[in-house]
Each structure stands twice: as structure tokens, then as C-alpha cells.
């Protein structure tokens, strides 16, 4: 079983190691890292041709939140926090994808 790490930071980093840590900016001043098993149903969203859509980014964010929360569908009491996390991760992911550059050709899908 993996675990979620959260830290105050405005910078995403990759720290190689036995498991590897990938920090992603989730919101201004907050970075998140999931350590352990990788969610295999989240697909690579960059670089793609045609470019990744907002719906694809949101679907990946939803899958990520489902994985780290342990909920496929949250209870009514947890739904606001669940949806807020999806919104914030969607926004952070869209910013990340928009800021990335590569010399590699886009993957045609």
C-alpha cells in the first residue's frame, strides 16, 4: 500500500530513489507526492497529438483522488472535499501540462 505525502512548496521536484518520489504542485504553496504503487489507469497526458483535453485531465485527476482517498465514490459527507481535491489537481495538472516543453515529437493517438 502506498501513502500520500504533502508539503508546503511552490516547486515540483523529482527525487530519484528506490521507489522514486515525484512531487507535483497541487495548489499554490502545496505539493503532493504519492509513494508506493502507481495507479496504472492514469494515462500519460503529455506530449500528445491532438493535445490533451480538459476532460482527460479531469479524468486523470479523478482517478488520482480515488486512488489516494480509497473511495471509488465518496459518501455525501466526503463529497465536497473529494470534488475540491479533483478540481485543484485538475487545475494543477493543466498548469503543468501547459508549462511543459519537449523536443520530442508528440505521440499520435
PDB file of N, CA and C in Angstrom:
ATOM      1  N   UNK A   1       0.849  -1.172   0.000  1.00  0.00           N
ATOM      2  CA  UNK A   1       0.000   0.000   0.000  1.00  0.00           C
ATOM      3  C   UNK A   1       0.887   1.225   0.000  1.00  0.00           C
ATOM      4  N   UNK A   2       0.524   2.218  -0.791  1.00  0.00           N
ATOM      5  CA  UNK A   2       1.281   3.460  -0.872  1.00  0.00           C
ATOM      6  C   UNK A   2       0.788   4.461   0.157  1.00  0.00           C
ATOM      7  N   UNK A   3       1.432   5.619   0.172  1.00  0.00           N
ATOM      8  CA  UNK A   3       0.999   6.669   1.079  1.00  0.00           C
ATOM      9  C   UNK A   3       1.145   8.011   0.392  1.00  0.00           C
ATOM     10  N   UNK A   4       0.367   8.982   0.822  1.00  0.00           N
ATOM     11  CA  UNK A   4       0.386  10.316   0.266  1.00  0.00           C
ATOM     12  C   UNK A   4       1.215  11.206   1.170  1.00  0.00           C
ATOM     13  N   UNK A   5       2.145  11.944   0.582  1.00  0.00           N
ATOM     14  CA  UNK A   5       2.945  12.917   1.309  1.00  0.00           C
ATOM     15  C   UNK A   5       2.529  14.298   0.853  1.00  0.00           C
ATOM     16  N   UNK A   6       2.458  15.244   1.766  1.00  0.00           N
ATOM     17  CA  UNK A   6       2.099  16.618   1.431  1.00  0.00           C
ATOM     18  C   UNK A   6       3.136  17.524   2.058  1.00  0.00           C
ATOM     19  N   UNK A   7       3.558  18.574   1.335  1.00  0.00           N
ATOM     20  CA  UNK A   7       4.492  19.537   1.899  1.00  0.00           C
ATOM     21  C   UNK A   7       4.173  20.926   1.371  1.00  0.00           C
ATOM     22  N   UNK A   8       4.590  21.917   2.125  1.00  0.00           N
ATOM     23  CA  UNK A   8       4.436  23.299   1.691  1.00  0.00           C
ATOM     24  C   UNK A   8       5.581  23.611   0.741  1.00  0.00           C
ATOM     25  N   UNK A   9       5.256  23.903  -0.507  1.00  0.00           N
ATOM     26  CA  UNK A   9       6.270  24.198  -1.512  1.00  0.00           C
ATOM     27  C   UNK A   9       5.581  24.714  -2.751  1.00  0.00           C
ATOM     28  N   UNK A  10       6.280  25.525  -3.506  1.00  0.00           N
ATOM     29  CA  UNK A  10       5.725  26.008  -4.769  1.00  0.00           C
ATOM     30  C   UNK A  10       6.443  25.366  -5.946  1.00  0.00           C
ATOM     31  N   UNK A  11       7.281  24.394  -5.686  1.00  0.00           N
ATOM     32  CA  UNK A  11       8.149  23.839  -6.706  1.00  0.00           C
ATOM     33  C   UNK A  11       7.979  22.319  -6.797  1.00  0.00           C
ATOM     34  N   UNK A  12       7.773  21.816  -8.006  1.00  0.00           N
ATOM     35  CA  UNK A  12       7.690  20.371  -8.203  1.00  0.00           C
ATOM     36  C   UNK A  12       9.099  19.828  -8.397  1.00  0.00           C
ATOM     37  N   UNK A  13       9.382  18.676  -7.830  1.00  0.00           N
ATOM     38  CA  UNK A  13      10.720  18.092  -7.919  1.00  0.00           C
ATOM     39  C   UNK A  13      10.619  16.601  -8.185  1.00  0.00           C
ATOM     40  N   UNK A  14      11.673  16.055  -8.756  1.00  0.00           N
ATOM     41  CA  UNK A  14      11.810  14.611  -8.865  1.00  0.00           C
ATOM     42  C   UNK A  14      13.036  14.232  -8.060  1.00  0.00           C
ATOM     43  N   UNK A  15      12.865  13.328  -7.155  1.00  0.00           N
ATOM     44  CA  UNK A  15      13.973  12.864  -6.330  1.00  0.00           C
ATOM     45  C   UNK A  15      14.098  11.369  -6.548  1.00  0.00           C
ATOM     46  N   UNK A  16      15.092  10.937  -7.338  1.00  0.00           N
ATOM     47  CA  UNK A  16      15.211   9.506  -7.585  1.00  0.00           C
ATOM     48  C   UNK A  16      15.581   8.750  -6.319  1.00  0.00           C
ATOM     49  N   UNK A  17      15.143   7.547  -6.260  1.00  0.00           N
ATOM     50  CA  UNK A  17      15.441   6.690  -5.133  1.00  0.00           C
ATOM     51  C   UNK A  17      14.954   5.301  -5.438  1.00  0.00           C
ATOM     52  N   UNK A  18      14.918   4.438  -4.432  1.00  0.00           N
ATOM     53  CA  UNK A  18      14.464   3.068  -4.653  1.00  0.00           C
ATOM     54  C   UNK A  18      13.053   3.063  -5.221  1.00  0.00           C
ATOM     55  N   UNK A  19      12.156   3.832  -4.602  1.00  0.00           N
ATOM     56  CA  UNK A  19      10.795   3.938  -5.124  1.00  0.00           C
ATOM     57  C   UNK A  19      10.661   5.147  -6.031  1.00  0.00           C
ATOM     58  N   UNK A  20      11.452   6.184  -5.786  1.00  0.00           N
ATOM     59  CA  UNK A  20      11.330   7.427  -6.531  1.00  0.00           C
ATOM     60  C   UNK A  20      10.224   8.267  -5.939  1.00  0.00           C
ATOM     61  N   UNK A  21      10.465   9.549  -5.838  1.00  0.00           N
ATOM     62  CA  UNK A  21       9.458  10.474  -5.337  1.00  0.00           C
ATOM     63  C   UNK A  21       9.186  11.502  -6.411  1.00  0.00           C
ATOM     64  N   UNK A  22       7.960  11.654  -6.791  1.00  0.00           N
ATOM     65  CA  UNK A  22       7.598  12.669  -7.762  1.00  0.00           C
ATOM     66  C   UNK A  22       6.661  13.645  -7.067  1.00  0.00           C
ATOM     67  N   UNK A  23       7.139  14.862  -6.853  1.00  0.00           N
ATOM     68  CA  UNK A  23       6.338  15.901  -6.200  1.00  0.00           C
ATOM     69  C   UNK A  23       5.640  16.716  -7.274  1.00  0.00           C
ATOM     70  N   UNK A  24       4.362  16.978  -7.097  1.00  0.00           N
ATOM     71  CA  UNK A  24       3.575  17.761  -8.022  1.00  0.00           C
ATOM     72  C   UNK A  24       2.924  18.902  -7.268  1.00  0.00           C
ATOM     73  N   UNK A  25       2.970  20.106  -7.831  1.00  0.00           N
ATOM     74  CA  UNK A  25       2.311  21.245  -7.204  1.00  0.00           C
ATOM     75  C   UNK A  25       0.806  21.040  -7.346  1.00  0.00           C
ATOM     76  N   UNK A  26       0.117  20.927  -6.214  1.00  0.00           N
ATOM     77  CA  UNK A  26      -1.323  20.672  -6.213  1.00  0.00           C
ATOM     78  C   UNK A  26      -2.120  21.961  -6.110  1.00  0.00           C
ATOM     79  N   UNK A  27      -1.571  22.921  -5.431  1.00  0.00           N
ATOM     80  CA  UNK A  27      -2.217  24.213  -5.249  1.00  0.00           C
ATOM     81  C   UNK A  27      -1.115  25.178  -4.848  1.00  0.00           C
ATOM     82  N   UNK A  28      -1.368  26.493  -4.927  1.00  0.00           N
ATOM     83  CA  UNK A  28      -0.316  27.424  -4.534  1.00  0.00           C
ATOM     84  C   UNK A  28       0.194  27.125  -3.130  1.00  0.00           C
ATOM     85  N   UNK A  29       1.484  26.869  -3.039  1.00  0.00           N
ATOM     86  CA  UNK A  29       2.111  26.612  -1.748  1.00  0.00           C
ATOM     87  C   UNK A  29       2.011  25.184  -1.242  1.00  0.00           C
ATOM     88  N   UNK A  30       1.399  24.276  -2.001  1.00  0.00           N
ATOM     89  CA  UNK A  30       1.241  22.891  -1.548  1.00  0.00           C
ATOM     90  C   UNK A  30       1.684  21.938  -2.647  1.00  0.00           C
ATOM     91  N   UNK A  31       2.565  21.012  -2.292  1.00  0.00           N
ATOM     92  CA  UNK A  31       2.990  19.966  -3.210  1.00  0.00           C
ATOM     93  C   UNK A  31       2.548  18.625  -2.649  1.00  0.00           C
ATOM     94  N   UNK A  32       2.251  17.680  -3.534  1.00  0.00           N
ATOM     95  CA  UNK A  32       1.840  16.349  -3.107  1.00  0.00           C
ATOM     96  C   UNK A  32       2.723  15.307  -3.765  1.00  0.00           C
ATOM     97  N   UNK A  33       2.842  14.171  -3.121  1.00  0.00           N
ATOM     98  CA  UNK A  33       3.625  13.064  -3.649  1.00  0.00           C
ATOM     99  C   UNK A  33       2.947  11.775  -3.217  1.00  0.00           C
ATOM    100  N   UNK A  34       2.734  10.878  -4.159  1.00  0.00           N
ATOM    101  CA  UNK A  34       2.189   9.565  -3.826  1.00  0.00           C
ATOM    102  C   UNK A  34       3.330   8.572  -3.906  1.00  0.00           C
ATOM    103  N   UNK A  35       3.601   7.894  -2.820  1.00  0.00           N
ATOM    104  CA  UNK A  35       4.714   6.946  -2.741  1.00  0.00           C
ATOM    105  C   UNK A  35       4.140   5.540  -2.688  1.00  0.00           C
ATOM    106  N   UNK A  36       4.602   4.679  -3.519  1.00  0.00           N
ATOM    107  CA  UNK A  36       4.143   3.297  -3.490  1.00  0.00           C
ATOM    108  C   UNK A  36       3.673   2.882  -4.865  1.00  0.00           C
ATOM    109  N   UNK A  37       2.671   2.046  -4.892  1.00  0.00           N
ATOM    110  CA  UNK A  37       2.159   1.531  -6.154  1.00  0.00           C
ATOM    111  C   UNK A  37       1.629   2.675  -7.012  1.00  0.00           C
ATOM    112  N   UNK A  38       1.931   2.628  -8.288  1.00  0.00           N
ATOM    113  CA  UNK A  38       1.466   3.656  -9.215  1.00  0.00           C
ATOM    114  C   UNK A  38       0.091   3.249  -9.721  1.00  0.00           C
ATOM    115  N   UNK A  39      -0.792   4.225  -9.841  1.00  0.00           N
ATOM    116  CA  UNK A  39      -2.133   3.960 -10.364  1.00  0.00           C
ATOM    117  C   UNK A  39      -2.007   3.741 -11.867  1.00  0.00           C
ATOM    118  N   UNK A  40      -2.132   2.533 -12.310  1.00  0.00           N
ATOM    119  CA  UNK A  40      -1.880   2.194 -13.696  1.00  0.00           C
ATOM    120  C   UNK A  40      -2.951   2.693 -14.659  1.00  0.00           C
ATOM    121  N   UNK A  41      -4.113   3.085 -14.171  1.00  0.00           N
ATOM    122  CA  UNK A  41      -5.153   3.533 -15.085  1.00  0.00           C
ATOM    123  C   UNK A  41      -5.033   5.013 -15.432  1.00  0.00           C
ATOM    124  N   UNK A  42      -4.098   5.730 -14.814  1.00  0.00           N
ATOM    125  CA  UNK A  42      -3.855   7.118 -15.187  1.00  0.00           C
ATOM    126  C   UNK A  42      -2.882   7.106 -16.359  1.00  0.00           C
ATOM    127  N   UNK A  43      -3.308   7.679 -17.467  1.00  0.00           N
ATOM    128  CA  UNK A  43      -2.518   7.651 -18.693  1.00  0.00           C
ATOM    129  C   UNK A  43      -1.628   8.877 -18.800  1.00  0.00           C
ATOM    130  N   UNK A  44      -0.526   8.741 -19.551  1.00  0.00           N
ATOM    131  CA  UNK A  44       0.347   9.865 -19.840  1.00  0.00           C
ATOM    132  C   UNK A  44      -0.433  10.891 -20.663  1.00  0.00           C
ATOM    133  N   UNK A  45      -0.347  12.156 -20.267  1.00  0.00           N
ATOM    134  CA  UNK A  45      -1.122  13.200 -20.931  1.00  0.00           C
ATOM    135  C   UNK A  45      -0.257  14.190 -21.710  1.00  0.00           C
ATOM    136  N   UNK A  46       1.049  13.980 -21.742  1.00  0.00           N
ATOM    137  CA  UNK A  46       1.937  14.896 -22.452  1.00  0.00           C
ATOM    138  C   UNK A  46       3.099  14.118 -23.020  1.00  0.00           C
ATOM    139  N   UNK A  47       3.606  14.406 -24.166  1.00  0.00           N
ATOM    140  CA  UNK A  47       3.069  15.240 -25.237  1.00  0.00           C
ATOM    141  C   UNK A  47       2.187  14.398 -26.163  1.00  0.00           C
ATOM    142  N   UNK A  48       1.020  14.864 -26.458  1.00  0.00           N
ATOM    143  CA  UNK A  48       0.085  14.116 -27.289  1.00  0.00           C
ATOM    144  C   UNK A  48      -0.400  14.969 -28.460  1.00  0.00           C
ATOM    145  N   UNK A  49      -0.754  14.296 -29.542  1.00  0.00           N
ATOM    146  CA  UNK A  49      -1.349  14.948 -30.702  1.00  0.00           C
ATOM    147  C   UNK A  49      -2.580  14.150 -31.092  1.00  0.00           C
ATOM    148  N   UNK A  50      -3.768  14.703 -31.023  1.00  0.00           N
ATOM    149  CA  UNK A  50      -4.083  16.074 -30.616  1.00  0.00           C
ATOM    150  C   UNK A  50      -3.821  16.288 -29.118  1.00  0.00           C
ATOM    151  N   UNK A  51      -3.650  17.563 -28.711  1.00  0.00           N
ATOM    152  CA  UNK A  51      -3.326  17.858 -27.315  1.00  0.00           C
ATOM    153  C   UNK A  51      -4.383  17.334 -26.337  1.00  0.00           C
ATOM    154  N   UNK A  52      -3.943  17.147 -25.117  1.00  0.00           N
ATOM    155  CA  UNK A  52      -4.811  16.658 -24.042  1.00  0.00           C
ATOM    156  C   UNK A  52      -5.962  17.630 -23.800  1.00  0.00           C
ATOM    157  N   UNK A  53      -7.155  17.103 -23.602  1.00  0.00           N
ATOM    158  CA  UNK A  53      -8.327  17.940 -23.346  1.00  0.00           C
ATOM    159  C   UNK A  53      -8.530  18.131 -21.843  1.00  0.00           C
ATOM    160  N   UNK A  54      -9.327  19.124 -21.495  1.00  0.00           N
ATOM    161  CA  UNK A  54      -9.677  19.383 -20.094  1.00  0.00           C
ATOM    162  C   UNK A  54     -10.377  18.158 -19.491  1.00  0.00           C
ATOM    163  N   UNK A  55     -11.200  17.473 -20.272  1.00  0.00           N
ATOM    164  CA  UNK A  55     -11.899  16.289 -19.787  1.00  0.00           C
ATOM    165  C   UNK A  55     -10.928  15.163 -19.449  1.00  0.00           C
ATOM    166  N   UNK A  56      -9.897  14.985 -20.263  1.00  0.00           N
ATOM    167  CA  UNK A  56      -8.890  13.953 -19.997  1.00  0.00           C
ATOM    168  C   UNK A  56      -8.084  14.280 -18.738  1.00  0.00           C
ATOM    169  N   UNK A  57      -7.770  15.556 -18.573  1.00  0.00           N
ATOM    170  CA  UNK A  57      -7.035  15.978 -17.373  1.00  0.00           C
ATOM    171  C   UNK A  57      -7.893  15.744 -16.138  1.00  0.00           C
ATOM    172  N   UNK A  58      -9.176  16.102 -16.208  1.00  0.00           N
ATOM    173  CA  UNK A  58     -10.081  15.904 -15.073  1.00  0.00           C
ATOM    174  C   UNK A  58     -10.258  14.418 -14.766  1.00  0.00           C
ATOM    175  N   UNK A  59     -10.346  13.584 -15.793  1.00  0.00           N
ATOM    176  CA  UNK A  59     -10.499  12.142 -15.566  1.00  0.00           C
ATOM    177  C   UNK A  59      -9.273  11.585 -14.846  1.00  0.00           C
ATOM    178  N   UNK A  60      -8.078  12.044 -15.226  1.00  0.00           N
ATOM    179  CA  UNK A  60      -6.857  11.591 -14.549  1.00  0.00           C
ATOM    180  C   UNK A  60      -6.840  12.084 -13.103  1.00  0.00           C
ATOM    181  N   UNK A  61      -7.268  13.326 -12.882  1.00  0.00           N
ATOM    182  CA  UNK A  61      -7.329  13.873 -11.519  1.00  0.00           C
ATOM    183  C   UNK A  61      -8.324  13.082 -10.675  1.00  0.00           C
ATOM    184  N   UNK A  62      -9.461  12.751 -11.248  1.00  0.00           N
ATOM    185  CA  UNK A  62     -10.477  11.958 -10.546  1.00  0.00           C
ATOM    186  C   UNK A  62      -9.905  10.600 -10.150  1.00  0.00           C
ATOM    187  N   UNK A  63      -9.199   9.957 -11.066  1.00  0.00           N
ATOM    188  CA  UNK A  63      -8.613   8.646 -10.788  1.00  0.00           C
ATOM    189  C   UNK A  63      -7.561   8.746  -9.686  1.00  0.00           C
ATOM    190  N   UNK A  64      -6.768   9.822  -9.715  1.00  0.00           N
ATOM    191  CA  UNK A  64      -5.753  10.039  -8.693  1.00  0.00           C
ATOM    192  C   UNK A  64      -6.398  10.215  -7.323  1.00  0.00           C
ATOM    193  N   UNK A  65      -7.448  11.032  -7.253  1.00  0.00           N
ATOM    194  CA  UNK A  65      -8.134  11.265  -5.972  1.00  0.00           C
ATOM    195  C   UNK A  65      -8.805   9.979  -5.486  1.00  0.00           C
ATOM    196  N   UNK A  66      -9.380   9.216  -6.387  1.00  0.00           N
ATOM    197  CA  UNK A  66      -9.958   7.925  -6.000  1.00  0.00           C
ATOM    198  C   UNK A  66      -8.899   7.018  -5.393  1.00  0.00           C
ATOM    199  N   UNK A  67      -7.730   7.001  -6.018  1.00  0.00           N
ATOM    200  CA  UNK A  67      -6.648   6.127  -5.553  1.00  0.00           C
ATOM    201  C   UNK A  67      -6.161   6.535  -4.170  1.00  0.00           C
ATOM    202  N   UNK A  68      -5.858   7.819  -3.989  1.00  0.00           N
ATOM    203  CA  UNK A  68      -5.276   8.236  -2.715  1.00  0.00           C
ATOM    204  C   UNK A  68      -6.287   8.296  -1.586  1.00  0.00           C
ATOM    205  N   UNK A  69      -7.582   8.511  -1.924  1.00  0.00           N
ATOM    206  CA  UNK A  69      -8.600   8.572  -0.871  1.00  0.00           C
ATOM    207  C   UNK A  69      -9.129   7.190  -0.511  1.00  0.00           C
ATOM    208  N   UNK A  70      -9.016   6.245  -1.446  1.00  0.00           N
ATOM    209  CA  UNK A  70      -9.573   4.921  -1.211  1.00  0.00           C
ATOM    210  C   UNK A  70     -11.049   4.833  -1.530  1.00  0.00           C
ATOM    211  N   UNK A  71     -11.620   5.921  -2.057  1.00  0.00           N
ATOM    212  CA  UNK A  71     -13.043   5.942  -2.398  1.00  0.00           C
ATOM    213  C   UNK A  71     -13.230   5.879  -3.904  1.00  0.00           C
ATOM    214  N   UNK A  72     -14.036   4.936  -4.370  1.00  0.00           N
ATOM    215  CA  UNK A  72     -14.462   4.952  -5.762  1.00  0.00           C
ATOM    216  C   UNK A  72     -15.513   6.022  -5.952  1.00  0.00           C
ATOM    217  N   UNK A  73     -16.366   6.139  -4.960  1.00  0.00           N
ATOM    218  CA  UNK A  73     -17.400   7.180  -4.908  1.00  0.00           C
ATOM    219  C   UNK A  73     -17.496   7.590  -3.446  1.00  0.00           C
ATOM    220  N   UNK A  74     -17.238   8.861  -3.152  1.00  0.00           N
ATOM    221  CA  UNK A  74     -17.240   9.284  -1.748  1.00  0.00           C
ATOM    222  C   UNK A  74     -18.646   9.341  -1.179  1.00  0.00           C
ATOM    223  N   UNK A  75     -18.725   9.278   0.138  1.00  0.00           N
ATOM    224  CA  UNK A  75     -20.009   9.459   0.815  1.00  0.00           C
ATOM    225  C   UNK A  75     -20.447  10.915   0.650  1.00  0.00           C
ATOM    226  N   UNK A  76     -21.704  11.199   0.934  1.00  0.00           N
ATOM    227  CA  UNK A  76     -22.204  12.577   0.851  1.00  0.00           C
ATOM    228  C   UNK A  76     -21.392  13.503   1.754  1.00  0.00           C
ATOM    229  N   UNK A  77     -20.986  13.007   2.920  1.00  0.00           N
ATOM    230  CA  UNK A  77     -20.217  13.824   3.854  1.00  0.00           C
ATOM    231  C   UNK A  77     -18.835  14.161   3.299  1.00  0.00           C
ATOM    232  N   UNK A  78     -18.229  13.255   2.534  1.00  0.00           N
ATOM    233  CA  UNK A  78     -16.891  13.466   1.996  1.00  0.00           C
ATOM    234  C   UNK A  78     -16.876  14.037   0.582  1.00  0.00           C
ATOM    235  N   UNK A  79     -18.036  14.096  -0.049  1.00  0.00           N
ATOM    236  CA  UNK A  79     -18.093  14.543  -1.443  1.00  0.00           C
ATOM    237  C   UNK A  79     -17.531  15.951  -1.671  1.00  0.00           C
ATOM    238  N   UNK A  80     -17.820  16.955  -0.834  1.00  0.00           N
ATOM    239  CA  UNK A  80     -17.244  18.280  -1.080  1.00  0.00           C
ATOM    240  C   UNK A  80     -15.713  18.281  -1.062  1.00  0.00           C
ATOM    241  N   UNK A  81     -15.110  17.602  -0.111  1.00  0.00           N
ATOM    242  CA  UNK A  81     -13.650  17.539  -0.032  1.00  0.00           C
ATOM    243  C   UNK A  81     -13.087  16.777  -1.233  1.00  0.00           C
ATOM    244  N   UNK A  82     -13.744  15.702  -1.618  1.00  0.00           N
ATOM    245  CA  UNK A  82     -13.333  14.889  -2.760  1.00  0.00           C
ATOM    246  C   UNK A  82     -13.350  15.718  -4.041  1.00  0.00           C
ATOM    247  N   UNK A  83     -14.454  16.417  -4.294  1.00  0.00           N
ATOM    248  CA  UNK A  83     -14.586  17.208  -5.517  1.00  0.00           C
ATOM    249  C   UNK A  83     -13.638  18.406  -5.521  1.00  0.00           C
ATOM    250  N   UNK A  84     -13.398  19.010  -4.365  1.00  0.00           N
ATOM    251  CA  UNK A  84     -12.436  20.099  -4.275  1.00  0.00           C
ATOM    252  C   UNK A  84     -11.041  19.605  -4.639  1.00  0.00           C
ATOM    253  N   UNK A  85     -10.680  18.433  -4.145  1.00  0.00           N
ATOM    254  CA  UNK A  85      -9.374  17.854  -4.478  1.00  0.00           C
ATOM    255  C   UNK A  85      -9.276  17.591  -5.978  1.00  0.00           C
ATOM    256  N   UNK A  86     -10.331  17.064  -6.581  1.00  0.00           N
ATOM    257  CA  UNK A  86     -10.333  16.819  -8.027  1.00  0.00           C
ATOM    258  C   UNK A  86     -10.142  18.132  -8.776  1.00  0.00           C
ATOM    259  N   UNK A  87     -10.872  19.184  -8.371  1.00  0.00           N
ATOM    260  CA  UNK A  87     -10.751  20.488  -9.030  1.00  0.00           C
ATOM    261  C   UNK A  87      -9.338  21.042  -8.914  1.00  0.00           C
ATOM    262  N   UNK A  88      -8.752  20.967  -7.722  1.00  0.00           N
ATOM    263  CA  UNK A  88      -7.412  21.515  -7.514  1.00  0.00           C
ATOM    264  C   UNK A  88      -6.349  20.732  -8.280  1.00  0.00           C
ATOM    265  N   UNK A  89      -6.468  19.421  -8.302  1.00  0.00           N
ATOM    266  CA  UNK A  89      -5.492  18.603  -9.035  1.00  0.00           C
ATOM    267  C   UNK A  89      -5.669  18.779 -10.534  1.00  0.00           C
ATOM    268  N   UNK A  90      -6.908  18.950 -10.988  1.00  0.00           N
ATOM    269  CA  UNK A  90      -7.150  19.237 -12.410  1.00  0.00           C
ATOM    270  C   UNK A  90      -6.468  20.536 -12.808  1.00  0.00           C
ATOM    271  N   UNK A  91      -6.643  21.577 -11.998  1.00  0.00           N
ATOM    272  CA  UNK A  91      -6.040  22.878 -12.300  1.00  0.00           C
ATOM    273  C   UNK A  91      -4.514  22.795 -12.280  1.00  0.00           C
ATOM    274  N   UNK A  92      -3.958  22.122 -11.268  1.00  0.00           N
ATOM    275  CA  UNK A  92      -2.504  21.986 -11.179  1.00  0.00           C
ATOM    276  C   UNK A  92      -1.961  21.182 -12.357  1.00  0.00           C
ATOM    277  N   UNK A  93      -2.664  20.145 -12.744  1.00  0.00           N
ATOM    278  CA  UNK A  93      -2.223  19.315 -13.871  1.00  0.00           C
ATOM    279  C   UNK A  93      -2.274  20.099 -15.179  1.00  0.00           C
ATOM    280  N   UNK A  94      -3.331  20.890 -15.364  1.00  0.00           N
ATOM    281  CA  UNK A  94      -3.446  21.708 -16.572  1.00  0.00           C
ATOM    282  C   UNK A  94      -2.308  22.729 -16.640  1.00  0.00           C
ATOM    283  N   UNK A  95      -1.977  23.342 -15.488  1.00  0.00           N
ATOM    284  CA  UNK A  95      -0.849  24.284 -15.454  1.00  0.00           C
ATOM    285  C   UNK A  95       0.457  23.574 -15.798  1.00  0.00           C
ATOM    286  N   UNK A  96       0.648  22.390 -15.240  1.00  0.00           N
ATOM    287  CA  UNK A  96       1.853  21.620 -15.510  1.00  0.00           C
ATOM    288  C   UNK A  96       1.970  21.288 -16.989  1.00  0.00           C
ATOM    289  N   UNK A  97       0.923  20.746 -17.575  1.00  0.00           N
ATOM    290  CA  UNK A  97       0.941  20.360 -18.989  1.00  0.00           C
ATOM    291  C   UNK A  97       1.170  21.582 -19.870  1.00  0.00           C
ATOM    292  N   UNK A  98       0.557  22.712 -19.489  1.00  0.00           N
ATOM    293  CA  UNK A  98       0.740  23.942 -20.255  1.00  0.00           C
ATOM    294  C   UNK A  98       2.153  24.496 -20.181  1.00  0.00           C
ATOM    295  N   UNK A  99       2.859  24.213 -19.109  1.00  0.00           N
ATOM    296  CA  UNK A  99       4.201  24.745 -18.910  1.00  0.00           C
ATOM    297  C   UNK A  99       5.300  23.818 -19.434  1.00  0.00           C
ATOM    298  N   UNK A 100       4.979  22.550 -19.676  1.00  0.00           N
ATOM    299  CA  UNK A 100       5.997  21.602 -20.120  1.00  0.00           C
ATOM    300  C   UNK A 100       6.431  21.871 -21.554  1.00  0.00           C
ATOM    301  N   UNK A 101       7.708  21.630 -21.811  1.00  0.00           N
ATOM    302  CA  UNK A 101       8.239  21.713 -23.162  1.00  0.00           C
ATOM    303  C   UNK A 101       9.036  20.442 -23.438  1.00  0.00           C
ATOM    304  N   UNK A 102       9.137  20.093 -24.698  1.00  0.00           N
ATOM    305  CA  UNK A 102       9.928  18.936 -25.092  1.00  0.00           C
ATOM    306  C   UNK A 102      10.365  19.088 -26.526  1.00  0.00           C
ATOM    307  N   UNK A 103      11.493  18.506 -26.846  1.00  0.00           N
ATOM    308  CA  UNK A 103      11.953  18.464 -28.238  1.00  0.00           C
ATOM    309  C   UNK A 103      11.461  17.190 -28.922  1.00  0.00           C
ATOM    310  N   UNK A 104      10.940  16.262 -28.128  1.00  0.00           N
ATOM    311  CA  UNK A 104      10.437  15.001 -28.679  1.00  0.00           C
ATOM    312  C   UNK A 104       9.131  15.255 -29.436  1.00  0.00           C
ATOM    313  N   UNK A 105       8.906  14.497 -30.471  1.00  0.00           N
ATOM    314  CA  UNK A 105       7.633  14.653 -31.201  1.00  0.00           C
ATOM    315  C   UNK A 105       6.461  14.190 -30.341  1.00  0.00           C
ATOM    316  N   UNK A 106       5.324  14.826 -30.551  1.00  0.00           N
ATOM    317  CA  UNK A 106       4.113  14.436 -29.824  1.00  0.00           C
ATOM    318  C   UNK A 106       3.709  13.028 -30.227  1.00  0.00           C
ATOM    319  N   UNK A 107       3.166  12.280 -29.257  1.00  0.00           N
ATOM    320  CA  UNK A 107       2.675  10.926 -29.533  1.00  0.00           C
ATOM    321  C   UNK A 107       1.323  11.036 -30.209  1.00  0.00           C
ATOM    322  N   UNK A 108       1.203  10.451 -31.384  1.00  0.00           N
ATOM    323  CA  UNK A 108      -0.060  10.482 -32.111  1.00  0.00           C
ATOM    324  C   UNK A 108      -0.986   9.452 -31.524  1.00  0.00           C
ATOM    325  N   UNK A 109      -2.232   9.841 -31.285  1.00  0.00           N
ATOM    326  CA  UNK A 109      -3.182   8.889 -30.718  1.00  0.00           C
ATOM    327  C   UNK A 109      -4.385   8.733 -31.583  1.00  0.00           C
TER     328      UNK A 109
END
